[in-house]
Amino acid sequence: AIFDIDTYEPILITHIETDDKDSHGERLHEQREFVRDLMDKYPPYEVTIERGFSRFNNATQVIFRAHGVLNELLHKCLQVYYPPKTIKEVVGKHGDATKKVVQNNILKKYPDIEFANEDESDAVATSICHLVKKYKMKW
């Protein structure tokens, strides 16, 4: 999710699709190139990331690999991590808010957004959390 730092309006909400038949290395490379293209179009000012958590070990390890690639690619930017509970507290108004509640709260402020999946709404929620916490955006 890419937001305008001055208006707090979303500029782009997207996700990366890779082929699960490809190797992890190939998929990480595709993700890196996708983000590099975004960086060329929308030079990043700062980056917000949902802090990882362990639920399913194999999936968690793959996600952490992707985090590492993106951390390196975005090394010149401030990178701020937020725990899922903090994001839920800010955007969902409760630390145990469901993804649906968080998504519905986002849509109250940005009714024209259409999320393709939960990853997109998670990314928007993470950005909103940062805008509220650091820039005192009204929520």
N, C-alpha and C. Protein backbone atom coordinates (compact mmCIF):
# COMPACT_ATOMS: atom_id res chain seq x y z
N ALA A 1 0.85 -1.17 0.00
CA ALA A 1 0.00 0.00 0.00
C ALA A 1 0.89 1.23 0.00
N ILE A 2 0.62 2.15 -0.90
CA ILE A 2 1.39 3.38 -0.99
C ILE A 2 0.43 4.54 -0.72
N PHE A 3 0.84 5.38 0.24
CA PHE A 3 0.03 6.53 0.63
C PHE A 3 0.76 7.82 0.34
N ASP A 4 0.00 8.87 0.08
CA ASP A 4 0.56 10.21 -0.03
C ASP A 4 0.80 10.71 1.40
N ILE A 5 2.03 11.05 1.71
CA ILE A 5 2.40 11.44 3.07
C ILE A 5 1.77 12.76 3.48
N ASP A 6 1.37 13.58 2.51
CA ASP A 6 0.78 14.88 2.82
C ASP A 6 -0.74 14.83 2.97
N THR A 7 -1.40 14.03 2.13
CA THR A 7 -2.87 14.00 2.15
C THR A 7 -3.43 12.80 2.89
N TYR A 8 -2.57 11.82 3.17
CA TYR A 8 -2.99 10.55 3.80
C TYR A 8 -3.94 9.75 2.93
N GLU A 9 -3.92 10.03 1.66
CA GLU A 9 -4.76 9.28 0.72
C GLU A 9 -3.96 8.14 0.10
N PRO A 10 -4.61 6.99 -0.10
CA PRO A 10 -3.90 5.90 -0.77
C PRO A 10 -3.66 6.23 -2.24
N ILE A 11 -2.47 5.93 -2.70
CA ILE A 11 -2.09 6.14 -4.10
C ILE A 11 -2.21 4.84 -4.87
N LEU A 12 -1.76 3.76 -4.23
CA LEU A 12 -1.76 2.45 -4.88
C LEU A 12 -1.91 1.36 -3.83
N ILE A 13 -2.78 0.42 -4.13
CA ILE A 13 -2.94 -0.77 -3.29
C ILE A 13 -2.83 -1.95 -4.23
N THR A 14 -1.85 -2.80 -3.99
CA THR A 14 -1.61 -3.91 -4.89
C THR A 14 -0.99 -5.07 -4.10
N HIS A 15 -0.72 -6.13 -4.80
CA HIS A 15 -0.04 -7.27 -4.20
C HIS A 15 0.79 -7.95 -5.28
N ILE A 16 1.64 -8.83 -4.83
CA ILE A 16 2.54 -9.53 -5.75
C ILE A 16 2.08 -10.97 -5.87
N GLU A 17 1.85 -11.39 -7.09
CA GLU A 17 1.49 -12.80 -7.32
C GLU A 17 2.70 -13.52 -7.90
N THR A 18 3.03 -14.63 -7.30
CA THR A 18 4.12 -15.46 -7.83
C THR A 18 3.58 -16.87 -8.05
N ASP A 19 4.30 -17.63 -8.81
CA ASP A 19 3.90 -19.00 -9.12
C ASP A 19 4.46 -19.92 -8.03
N ASP A 20 3.57 -20.60 -7.32
CA ASP A 20 4.05 -21.46 -6.23
C ASP A 20 4.83 -22.68 -6.72
N LYS A 21 4.89 -22.87 -8.03
CA LYS A 21 5.71 -23.95 -8.57
C LYS A 21 7.17 -23.51 -8.73
N ASP A 22 7.42 -22.18 -8.71
CA ASP A 22 8.78 -21.67 -8.81
C ASP A 22 9.52 -21.87 -7.48
N SER A 23 10.84 -21.85 -7.54
CA SER A 23 11.65 -21.97 -6.34
C SER A 23 11.47 -20.71 -5.47
N HIS A 24 11.82 -20.86 -4.18
CA HIS A 24 11.74 -19.69 -3.29
C HIS A 24 12.63 -18.56 -3.81
N GLY A 25 13.80 -18.92 -4.32
CA GLY A 25 14.71 -17.91 -4.84
C GLY A 25 14.11 -17.14 -6.00
N GLU A 26 13.47 -17.84 -6.92
CA GLU A 26 12.84 -17.19 -8.07
C GLU A 26 11.69 -16.28 -7.61
N ARG A 27 10.92 -16.77 -6.67
CA ARG A 27 9.79 -15.98 -6.18
C ARG A 27 10.27 -14.73 -5.45
N LEU A 28 11.33 -14.87 -4.65
CA LEU A 28 11.89 -13.71 -3.96
C LEU A 28 12.42 -12.68 -4.96
N HIS A 29 13.03 -13.18 -6.03
CA HIS A 29 13.54 -12.29 -7.07
C HIS A 29 12.38 -11.53 -7.75
N GLU A 30 11.30 -12.23 -8.05
CA GLU A 30 10.13 -11.58 -8.66
C GLU A 30 9.58 -10.50 -7.73
N GLN A 31 9.52 -10.81 -6.43
CA GLN A 31 9.02 -9.84 -5.45
C GLN A 31 9.93 -8.62 -5.40
N ARG A 32 11.23 -8.87 -5.40
CA ARG A 32 12.21 -7.77 -5.34
C ARG A 32 12.07 -6.87 -6.57
N GLU A 33 11.95 -7.46 -7.75
CA GLU A 33 11.84 -6.67 -8.98
C GLU A 33 10.53 -5.87 -9.00
N PHE A 34 9.47 -6.47 -8.51
CA PHE A 34 8.18 -5.80 -8.44
C PHE A 34 8.30 -4.55 -7.56
N VAL A 35 8.91 -4.70 -6.40
CA VAL A 35 9.08 -3.58 -5.47
C VAL A 35 10.05 -2.55 -6.05
N ARG A 36 11.09 -3.01 -6.70
CA ARG A 36 12.04 -2.06 -7.32
C ARG A 36 11.31 -1.19 -8.35
N ASP A 37 10.43 -1.78 -9.15
CA ASP A 37 9.65 -1.01 -10.13
C ASP A 37 8.75 0.01 -9.42
N LEU A 38 8.14 -0.41 -8.32
CA LEU A 38 7.31 0.53 -7.55
C LEU A 38 8.14 1.68 -7.01
N MET A 39 9.36 1.37 -6.54
CA MET A 39 10.24 2.39 -6.00
C MET A 39 10.63 3.41 -7.07
N ASP A 40 10.78 2.96 -8.30
CA ASP A 40 11.09 3.88 -9.40
C ASP A 40 9.92 4.83 -9.67
N LYS A 41 8.70 4.30 -9.60
CA LYS A 41 7.51 5.12 -9.85
C LYS A 41 7.14 5.99 -8.66
N TYR A 42 7.32 5.44 -7.46
CA TYR A 42 6.93 6.11 -6.22
C TYR A 42 8.10 6.05 -5.24
N PRO A 43 9.05 6.97 -5.36
CA PRO A 43 10.21 6.91 -4.46
C PRO A 43 9.76 6.91 -3.00
N PRO A 44 10.19 5.91 -2.25
CA PRO A 44 9.70 5.77 -0.86
C PRO A 44 10.31 6.80 0.08
N TYR A 45 9.50 7.25 1.00
CA TYR A 45 9.92 8.16 2.05
C TYR A 45 10.22 7.37 3.32
N GLU A 46 9.27 6.55 3.68
CA GLU A 46 9.44 5.62 4.80
C GLU A 46 8.55 4.42 4.54
N VAL A 47 8.84 3.34 5.25
CA VAL A 47 8.17 2.07 4.99
C VAL A 47 7.61 1.54 6.31
N THR A 48 6.37 1.08 6.28
CA THR A 48 5.79 0.44 7.46
C THR A 48 5.58 -1.03 7.15
N ILE A 49 5.83 -1.84 8.16
CA ILE A 49 5.78 -3.29 7.98
C ILE A 49 5.08 -3.90 9.18
N GLU A 50 4.18 -4.83 8.92
CA GLU A 50 3.58 -5.57 10.02
C GLU A 50 4.62 -6.54 10.58
N ARG A 51 4.84 -6.44 11.88
CA ARG A 51 5.84 -7.31 12.51
C ARG A 51 5.40 -8.77 12.37
N GLY A 52 6.38 -9.61 12.11
CA GLY A 52 6.09 -11.02 11.93
C GLY A 52 5.72 -11.73 13.21
N PHE A 53 5.06 -12.84 13.05
CA PHE A 53 4.72 -13.70 14.17
C PHE A 53 4.77 -15.13 13.66
N SER A 54 4.96 -16.05 14.55
CA SER A 54 5.07 -17.46 14.14
C SER A 54 3.74 -18.15 14.36
N ARG A 55 3.24 -18.72 13.30
CA ARG A 55 2.01 -19.50 13.39
C ARG A 55 2.24 -20.87 12.79
N PHE A 56 2.59 -20.89 11.53
CA PHE A 56 2.94 -22.14 10.85
C PHE A 56 4.40 -22.01 10.46
N ASN A 57 5.26 -22.84 11.00
CA ASN A 57 6.70 -22.66 10.90
C ASN A 57 7.20 -22.49 9.48
N ASN A 58 6.83 -23.36 8.56
CA ASN A 58 7.34 -23.26 7.18
C ASN A 58 6.90 -21.96 6.51
N ALA A 59 5.64 -21.61 6.64
CA ALA A 59 5.15 -20.37 6.04
C ALA A 59 5.83 -19.16 6.68
N THR A 60 6.03 -19.21 7.97
CA THR A 60 6.68 -18.10 8.67
C THR A 60 8.10 -17.91 8.17
N GLN A 61 8.82 -19.00 7.97
CA GLN A 61 10.20 -18.89 7.48
C GLN A 61 10.25 -18.28 6.08
N VAL A 62 9.32 -18.63 5.24
CA VAL A 62 9.27 -18.07 3.89
C VAL A 62 8.98 -16.56 3.96
N ILE A 63 8.06 -16.18 4.82
CA ILE A 63 7.72 -14.76 4.97
C ILE A 63 8.93 -13.98 5.47
N PHE A 64 9.68 -14.55 6.42
CA PHE A 64 10.86 -13.86 6.93
C PHE A 64 11.93 -13.71 5.85
N ARG A 65 12.02 -14.64 4.94
CA ARG A 65 12.96 -14.48 3.81
C ARG A 65 12.56 -13.27 2.97
N ALA A 66 11.28 -13.16 2.69
CA ALA A 66 10.80 -12.02 1.90
C ALA A 66 11.07 -10.71 2.64
N HIS A 67 10.87 -10.72 3.95
CA HIS A 67 11.17 -9.52 4.74
C HIS A 67 12.62 -9.13 4.57
N GLY A 68 13.52 -10.09 4.62
CA GLY A 68 14.94 -9.81 4.49
C GLY A 68 15.28 -9.17 3.15
N VAL A 69 14.71 -9.70 2.09
CA VAL A 69 14.96 -9.15 0.75
C VAL A 69 14.46 -7.70 0.70
N LEU A 70 13.27 -7.46 1.22
CA LEU A 70 12.71 -6.11 1.18
C LEU A 70 13.47 -5.17 2.11
N ASN A 71 13.90 -5.67 3.28
CA ASN A 71 14.70 -4.82 4.18
C ASN A 71 15.96 -4.32 3.48
N GLU A 72 16.62 -5.22 2.75
CA GLU A 72 17.84 -4.83 2.04
C GLU A 72 17.51 -3.86 0.90
N LEU A 73 16.50 -4.15 0.14
CA LEU A 73 16.13 -3.31 -1.00
C LEU A 73 15.78 -1.89 -0.55
N LEU A 74 15.13 -1.79 0.59
CA LEU A 74 14.66 -0.50 1.11
C LEU A 74 15.58 0.04 2.21
N HIS A 75 16.84 -0.36 2.19
CA HIS A 75 17.76 -0.03 3.29
C HIS A 75 17.97 1.46 3.50
N LYS A 76 17.71 2.29 2.52
CA LYS A 76 17.90 3.73 2.68
C LYS A 76 16.68 4.43 3.28
N CYS A 77 15.61 3.69 3.47
CA CYS A 77 14.38 4.26 4.02
C CYS A 77 14.22 3.89 5.49
N LEU A 78 13.57 4.79 6.22
CA LEU A 78 13.15 4.44 7.56
C LEU A 78 12.16 3.28 7.45
N GLN A 79 12.38 2.21 8.22
CA GLN A 79 11.48 1.06 8.23
C GLN A 79 10.93 0.91 9.64
N VAL A 80 9.62 1.01 9.75
CA VAL A 80 8.96 0.96 11.05
C VAL A 80 8.07 -0.28 11.10
N TYR A 81 8.31 -1.10 12.11
CA TYR A 81 7.52 -2.32 12.31
C TYR A 81 6.45 -2.07 13.37
N TYR A 82 5.24 -2.60 13.11
CA TYR A 82 4.16 -2.54 14.07
C TYR A 82 3.63 -3.94 14.34
N PRO A 83 3.45 -4.29 15.61
CA PRO A 83 2.86 -5.60 15.92
C PRO A 83 1.40 -5.64 15.45
N PRO A 84 0.93 -6.82 15.06
CA PRO A 84 -0.47 -6.93 14.62
C PRO A 84 -1.47 -6.39 15.63
N LYS A 85 -1.21 -6.61 16.91
CA LYS A 85 -2.15 -6.15 17.94
C LYS A 85 -2.24 -4.62 17.96
N THR A 86 -1.13 -3.94 17.76
CA THR A 86 -1.13 -2.48 17.71
C THR A 86 -1.93 -1.98 16.51
N ILE A 87 -1.75 -2.63 15.38
CA ILE A 87 -2.49 -2.25 14.17
C ILE A 87 -3.99 -2.43 14.41
N LYS A 88 -4.35 -3.55 15.03
CA LYS A 88 -5.77 -3.81 15.33
C LYS A 88 -6.32 -2.79 16.32
N GLU A 89 -5.52 -2.41 17.32
CA GLU A 89 -5.96 -1.42 18.30
C GLU A 89 -6.24 -0.08 17.64
N VAL A 90 -5.38 0.33 16.72
CA VAL A 90 -5.53 1.63 16.07
C VAL A 90 -6.64 1.59 15.03
N VAL A 91 -6.56 0.67 14.10
CA VAL A 91 -7.49 0.68 12.96
C VAL A 91 -8.81 -0.02 13.30
N GLY A 92 -8.72 -1.08 14.09
CA GLY A 92 -9.92 -1.83 14.45
C GLY A 92 -10.57 -1.37 15.74
N LYS A 93 -9.88 -0.43 16.43
CA LYS A 93 -10.37 0.14 17.70
C LYS A 93 -10.35 -0.87 18.85
N HIS A 94 -9.74 -2.03 18.63
CA HIS A 94 -9.65 -3.05 19.68
C HIS A 94 -8.53 -4.01 19.30
N GLY A 95 -7.69 -4.37 20.26
CA GLY A 95 -6.54 -5.24 19.98
C GLY A 95 -6.89 -6.62 19.48
N ASP A 96 -8.14 -7.03 19.72
CA ASP A 96 -8.57 -8.36 19.25
C ASP A 96 -9.52 -8.25 18.06
N ALA A 97 -9.53 -7.11 17.41
CA ALA A 97 -10.43 -6.91 16.27
C ALA A 97 -10.12 -7.94 15.18
N THR A 98 -11.14 -8.39 14.51
CA THR A 98 -10.96 -9.34 13.41
C THR A 98 -10.50 -8.59 12.18
N LYS A 99 -9.99 -9.34 11.20
CA LYS A 99 -9.59 -8.73 9.93
C LYS A 99 -10.78 -8.04 9.26
N LYS A 100 -11.96 -8.61 9.41
CA LYS A 100 -13.16 -8.03 8.81
C LYS A 100 -13.50 -6.68 9.44
N VAL A 101 -13.38 -6.57 10.76
CA VAL A 101 -13.64 -5.31 11.45
C VAL A 101 -12.63 -4.26 10.99
N VAL A 102 -11.36 -4.65 10.93
CA VAL A 102 -10.32 -3.72 10.47
C VAL A 102 -10.62 -3.26 9.06
N GLN A 103 -10.94 -4.19 8.19
CA GLN A 103 -11.24 -3.86 6.80
C GLN A 103 -12.46 -2.93 6.71
N ASN A 104 -13.50 -3.21 7.46
CA ASN A 104 -14.71 -2.36 7.45
C ASN A 104 -14.40 -0.95 7.93
N ASN A 105 -13.53 -0.82 8.93
CA ASN A 105 -13.15 0.50 9.43
C ASN A 105 -12.38 1.28 8.36
N ILE A 106 -11.53 0.58 7.64
CA ILE A 106 -10.80 1.23 6.54
C ILE A 106 -11.78 1.74 5.49
N LEU A 107 -12.75 0.90 5.15
CA LEU A 107 -13.71 1.26 4.10
C LEU A 107 -14.63 2.41 4.50
N LYS A 108 -14.79 2.67 5.80
CA LYS A 108 -15.57 3.82 6.24
C LYS A 108 -14.87 5.12 5.82
N LYS A 109 -13.55 5.15 5.93
CA LYS A 109 -12.79 6.35 5.56
C LYS A 109 -12.46 6.39 4.07
N TYR A 110 -12.21 5.22 3.50
CA TYR A 110 -11.84 5.12 2.09
C TYR A 110 -12.81 4.19 1.37
N PRO A 111 -14.05 4.64 1.13
CA PRO A 111 -15.08 3.73 0.59
C PRO A 111 -14.83 3.26 -0.85
N ASP A 112 -13.94 3.91 -1.56
CA ASP A 112 -13.70 3.53 -2.95
C ASP A 112 -12.65 2.43 -3.11
N ILE A 113 -12.04 2.03 -2.01
CA ILE A 113 -11.03 0.97 -2.09
C ILE A 113 -11.71 -0.37 -2.32
N GLU A 114 -11.12 -1.17 -3.19
CA GLU A 114 -11.56 -2.55 -3.38
C GLU A 114 -10.36 -3.44 -3.12
N PHE A 115 -10.43 -4.24 -2.07
CA PHE A 115 -9.33 -5.12 -1.71
C PHE A 115 -9.42 -6.43 -2.48
N ALA A 116 -8.30 -6.84 -3.05
CA ALA A 116 -8.26 -8.12 -3.76
C ALA A 116 -8.07 -9.28 -2.79
N ASN A 117 -7.51 -9.00 -1.62
CA ASN A 117 -7.27 -10.06 -0.63
C ASN A 117 -6.98 -9.42 0.72
N GLU A 118 -6.81 -10.26 1.73
CA GLU A 118 -6.54 -9.75 3.08
C GLU A 118 -5.16 -9.13 3.20
N ASP A 119 -4.22 -9.56 2.38
CA ASP A 119 -2.88 -8.96 2.42
C ASP A 119 -2.95 -7.48 2.08
N GLU A 120 -3.79 -7.12 1.14
CA GLU A 120 -3.93 -5.71 0.78
C GLU A 120 -4.53 -4.90 1.92
N SER A 121 -5.57 -5.43 2.55
CA SER A 121 -6.16 -4.68 3.66
C SER A 121 -5.20 -4.63 4.85
N ASP A 122 -4.41 -5.68 5.05
CA ASP A 122 -3.39 -5.65 6.11
C ASP A 122 -2.36 -4.56 5.84
N ALA A 123 -1.95 -4.42 4.59
CA ALA A 123 -0.96 -3.40 4.22
C ALA A 123 -1.52 -1.99 4.43
N VAL A 124 -2.76 -1.79 4.04
CA VAL A 124 -3.40 -0.49 4.24
C VAL A 124 -3.52 -0.21 5.74
N ALA A 125 -3.93 -1.19 6.51
CA ALA A 125 -4.07 -1.01 7.96
C ALA A 125 -2.73 -0.66 8.60
N THR A 126 -1.67 -1.30 8.16
CA THR A 126 -0.34 -1.01 8.70
C THR A 126 0.06 0.43 8.39
N SER A 127 -0.22 0.87 7.18
CA SER A 127 0.08 2.26 6.80
C SER A 127 -0.74 3.25 7.61
N ILE A 128 -2.01 2.96 7.77
CA ILE A 128 -2.89 3.84 8.56
C ILE A 128 -2.40 3.92 10.00
N CYS A 129 -2.03 2.79 10.56
CA CYS A 129 -1.51 2.76 11.93
C CYS A 129 -0.33 3.73 12.06
N HIS A 130 0.57 3.69 11.11
CA HIS A 130 1.73 4.56 11.14
C HIS A 130 1.33 6.04 11.00
N LEU A 131 0.42 6.32 10.09
CA LEU A 131 -0.03 7.70 9.89
C LEU A 131 -0.69 8.25 11.16
N VAL A 132 -1.43 7.41 11.84
CA VAL A 132 -2.07 7.83 13.10
C VAL A 132 -1.02 8.04 14.19
N LYS A 133 -0.13 7.07 14.35
CA LYS A 133 0.85 7.13 15.42
C LYS A 133 1.90 8.22 15.22
N LYS A 134 2.45 8.32 14.03
CA LYS A 134 3.55 9.26 13.80
C LYS A 134 3.07 10.65 13.38
N TYR A 135 2.04 10.70 12.55
CA TYR A 135 1.61 11.97 11.97
C TYR A 135 0.29 12.48 12.56
N LYS A 136 -0.25 11.75 13.53
CA LYS A 136 -1.47 12.17 14.23
C LYS A 136 -2.67 12.32 13.30
N MET A 137 -2.71 11.47 12.24
CA MET A 137 -3.85 11.47 11.35
C MET A 137 -5.11 11.16 12.17
N LYS A 138 -6.17 11.90 11.91
CA LYS A 138 -7.42 11.63 12.61
C LYS A 138 -8.00 10.31 12.14
N TRP A 139 -8.35 9.46 13.08
CA TRP A 139 -8.92 8.18 12.73
C TRP A 139 -10.13 7.99 13.55
